Structure formats: structure tokens, C-alpha cells
Amino acid sequence: MSTIVIHGHNFVKALLDSQSYGPQLIESVNAYLAYLTEQAEFAGHSVEVDNSDGGEGAWHVEAGQDSAEAARADAFMRERVEGFWRWHQQSGRA
């Protein structure tokens, strides 16, 4: 099983990239993190959130020597970051 470590500060920046947002954004991001964690568990990944300002990128994957598992977890996260605004609108949070 791989572990996806989300870099909180950079993750939010990735979600906000070139989008306008309102005051309820933090609530939406927290709800999305809960949704994402649930979806990751269904897909066989675990999720940790690192709220420090360290790390490059919005996340990194810890999968030991299993490069296929790491690639699968990375693809999972790319899809979820790209899908945030669609989820945001569909959930009625927009």
C-alpha cells in the first residue's frame, strides 16, 4: 500500500491555481480532503496531511520500491486535484 502525503499549503495553492474563490473555501477544502481520503482508502492508498510549509509540490507518494504503485497513487492525486472545482460545484459549495 502506498501513502500519499499531502503538503497542505502547496495543496491548497494547487487547488486555487487561476481560480476565483469565496470565503467558504477553507470549509470546502476540508470537506474535499475528507472525501479524497475516503476515495484513496477505497483505491488502496492511505493519506496523511503535512501542514508544514515544507516539501515541494502539492503531495508526494511513499511507496517503497514499488514504482507501479507510486505511479498509480500519483495518477490518483492528479485526477483529484484536477477534479476539485467540478466536485466543488456539484456539491453545492460554489
C-alpha atoms as a PDB file:
ATOM      1  CA  MET A   1       0.000   0.000   0.000  1.00  0.00           C
ATOM      2  CA  SER A   2       1.262   3.459  -0.813  1.00  0.00           C
ATOM      3  CA  THR A   3       0.932   6.521   1.376  1.00  0.00           C
ATOM      4  CA  ILE A   4       0.060   9.856  -0.204  1.00  0.00           C
ATOM      5  CA  VAL A   5       1.495  12.722   1.844  1.00  0.00           C
ATOM      6  CA  ILE A   6      -0.342  15.955   1.026  1.00  0.00           C
ATOM      7  CA  HIS A   7       1.616  19.159   1.616  1.00  0.00           C
ATOM      8  CA  GLY A   8      -1.255  21.268   2.977  1.00  0.00           C
ATOM      9  CA  HIS A   9      -0.025  24.724   1.984  1.00  0.00           C
ATOM     10  CA  ASN A  10       1.063  23.705  -1.506  1.00  0.00           C
ATOM     11  CA  PHE A  11      -2.044  21.538  -1.989  1.00  0.00           C
ATOM     12  CA  VAL A  12      -4.354  24.495  -1.398  1.00  0.00           C
ATOM     13  CA  LYS A  13      -2.256  26.594  -3.780  1.00  0.00           C
ATOM     14  CA  ALA A  14      -2.624  23.851  -6.411  1.00  0.00           C
ATOM     15  CA  LEU A  15      -6.410  23.855  -5.975  1.00  0.00           C
ATOM     16  CA  LEU A  16      -6.580  27.642  -6.213  1.00  0.00           C
ATOM     17  CA  ASP A  17      -4.382  27.937  -9.278  1.00  0.00           C
ATOM     18  CA  SER A  18      -6.018  30.598 -11.501  1.00  0.00           C
ATOM     19  CA  GLN A  19      -9.454  30.283  -9.876  1.00  0.00           C
ATOM     20  CA  SER A  20     -11.584  32.837  -8.093  1.00  0.00           C
ATOM     21  CA  TYR A  21     -12.881  31.795  -4.708  1.00  0.00           C
ATOM     22  CA  GLY A  22     -15.095  32.954  -1.888  1.00  0.00           C
ATOM     23  CA  PRO A  23     -14.901  32.978   1.899  1.00  0.00           C
ATOM     24  CA  GLN A  24     -16.166  29.383   2.251  1.00  0.00           C
ATOM     25  CA  LEU A  25     -13.117  27.942   0.512  1.00  0.00           C
ATOM     26  CA  ILE A  26     -11.437  26.556   3.653  1.00  0.00           C
ATOM     27  CA  GLU A  27     -14.616  24.655   4.539  1.00  0.00           C
ATOM     28  CA  SER A  28     -14.701  23.254   1.012  1.00  0.00           C
ATOM     29  CA  VAL A  29     -11.028  22.249   1.077  1.00  0.00           C
ATOM     30  CA  ASN A  30     -11.501  20.454   4.413  1.00  0.00           C
ATOM     31  CA  ALA A  31     -14.577  18.643   3.079  1.00  0.00           C
ATOM     32  CA  TYR A  32     -12.676  17.720  -0.080  1.00  0.00           C
ATOM     33  CA  LEU A  33      -9.769  16.347   1.956  1.00  0.00           C
ATOM     34  CA  ALA A  34     -12.231  14.118   3.836  1.00  0.00           C
ATOM     35  CA  TYR A  35     -13.760  12.977   0.526  1.00  0.00           C
ATOM     36  CA  LEU A  36     -10.314  12.450  -1.011  1.00  0.00           C
ATOM     37  CA  THR A  37      -9.157  10.396   1.986  1.00  0.00           C
ATOM     38  CA  GLU A  38     -12.209   8.161   1.713  1.00  0.00           C
ATOM     39  CA  GLN A  39     -11.689   7.692  -2.032  1.00  0.00           C
ATOM     40  CA  ALA A  40      -7.983   6.976  -1.510  1.00  0.00           C
ATOM     41  CA  GLU A  41      -8.791   4.254   1.010  1.00  0.00           C
ATOM     42  CA  PHE A  42     -11.204   2.645  -1.482  1.00  0.00           C
ATOM     43  CA  ALA A  43      -8.371   2.727  -4.044  1.00  0.00           C
ATOM     44  CA  GLY A  44      -5.908   1.097  -1.616  1.00  0.00           C
ATOM     45  CA  HIS A  45      -3.941   4.178  -0.560  1.00  0.00           C
ATOM     46  CA  SER A  46      -3.595   5.915   2.781  1.00  0.00           C
ATOM     47  CA  VAL A  47      -3.442   9.699   3.113  1.00  0.00           C
ATOM     48  CA  GLU A  48      -1.508  11.905   5.518  1.00  0.00           C
ATOM     49  CA  VAL A  49      -1.678  15.698   5.595  1.00  0.00           C
ATOM     50  CA  ASP A  50       1.508  17.618   6.365  1.00  0.00           C
ATOM     51  CA  ASN A  51       0.545  21.195   7.248  1.00  0.00           C
ATOM     52  CA  SER A  52       4.111  22.409   7.461  1.00  0.00           C
ATOM     53  CA  ASP A  53       5.374  24.730   4.762  1.00  0.00           C
ATOM     54  CA  GLY A  54       7.985  22.187   3.713  1.00  0.00           C
ATOM     55  CA  GLY A  55       8.114  19.884   0.761  1.00  0.00           C
ATOM     56  CA  GLU A  56       7.985  20.546  -2.908  1.00  0.00           C
ATOM     57  CA  GLY A  57       4.812  20.162  -4.886  1.00  0.00           C
ATOM     58  CA  ALA A  58       1.321  19.589  -3.547  1.00  0.00           C
ATOM     59  CA  TRP A  59       1.986  15.976  -2.494  1.00  0.00           C
ATOM     60  CA  HIS A  60       4.446  13.133  -2.673  1.00  0.00           C
ATOM     61  CA  VAL A  61       3.969   9.389  -2.643  1.00  0.00           C
ATOM     62  CA  GLU A  62       5.737   6.969  -0.339  1.00  0.00           C
ATOM     63  CA  ALA A  63       5.554   3.503  -1.908  1.00  0.00           C
ATOM     64  CA  GLY A  64       8.931   1.993  -1.111  1.00  0.00           C
ATOM     65  CA  GLN A  65      10.432   0.241  -4.127  1.00  0.00           C
ATOM     66  CA  ASP A  66       7.089  -0.290  -5.896  1.00  0.00           C
ATOM     67  CA  SER A  67       7.239   2.202  -8.774  1.00  0.00           C
ATOM     68  CA  ALA A  68       3.957   0.951 -10.293  1.00  0.00           C
ATOM     69  CA  GLU A  69       2.149   1.572  -7.000  1.00  0.00           C
ATOM     70  CA  ALA A  70       3.731   5.024  -6.733  1.00  0.00           C
ATOM     71  CA  ALA A  71       2.626   5.870 -10.282  1.00  0.00           C
ATOM     72  CA  ARG A  72      -0.911   4.690  -9.527  1.00  0.00           C
ATOM     73  CA  ALA A  73      -1.098   6.828  -6.370  1.00  0.00           C
ATOM     74  CA  ASP A  74       0.324   9.840  -8.211  1.00  0.00           C
ATOM     75  CA  ALA A  75      -2.260   9.451 -11.003  1.00  0.00           C
ATOM     76  CA  PHE A  76      -4.988   9.218  -8.345  1.00  0.00           C
ATOM     77  CA  MET A  77      -3.897  12.564  -6.884  1.00  0.00           C
ATOM     78  CA  ARG A  78      -3.565  14.291 -10.265  1.00  0.00           C
ATOM     79  CA  GLU A  79      -7.143  13.320 -11.104  1.00  0.00           C
ATOM     80  CA  ARG A  80      -8.393  14.535  -7.724  1.00  0.00           C
ATOM     81  CA  VAL A  81      -6.648  17.915  -7.935  1.00  0.00           C
ATOM     82  CA  GLU A  82      -7.971  18.424 -11.467  1.00  0.00           C
ATOM     83  CA  GLY A  83     -11.458  17.414 -10.292  1.00  0.00           C
ATOM     84  CA  PHE A  84     -11.668  19.709  -7.259  1.00  0.00           C
ATOM     85  CA  TRP A  85     -13.618  22.532  -8.905  1.00  0.00           C
ATOM     86  CA  ARG A  86     -16.062  20.104 -10.552  1.00  0.00           C
ATOM     87  CA  TRP A  87     -16.626  18.471  -7.137  1.00  0.00           C
ATOM     88  CA  HIS A  88     -16.932  21.922  -5.545  1.00  0.00           C
ATOM     89  CA  GLN A  89     -19.722  22.910  -7.951  1.00  0.00           C
ATOM     90  CA  GLN A  90     -21.519  19.549  -7.825  1.00  0.00           C
ATOM     91  CA  SER A  91     -21.533  19.521  -4.035  1.00  0.00           C
ATOM     92  CA  GLY A  92     -23.339  22.866  -3.993  1.00  0.00           C
ATOM     93  CA  ARG A  93     -20.458  24.659  -2.297  1.00  0.00           C
ATOM     94  CA  ALA A  94     -19.825  27.104  -5.140  1.00  0.00           C
END
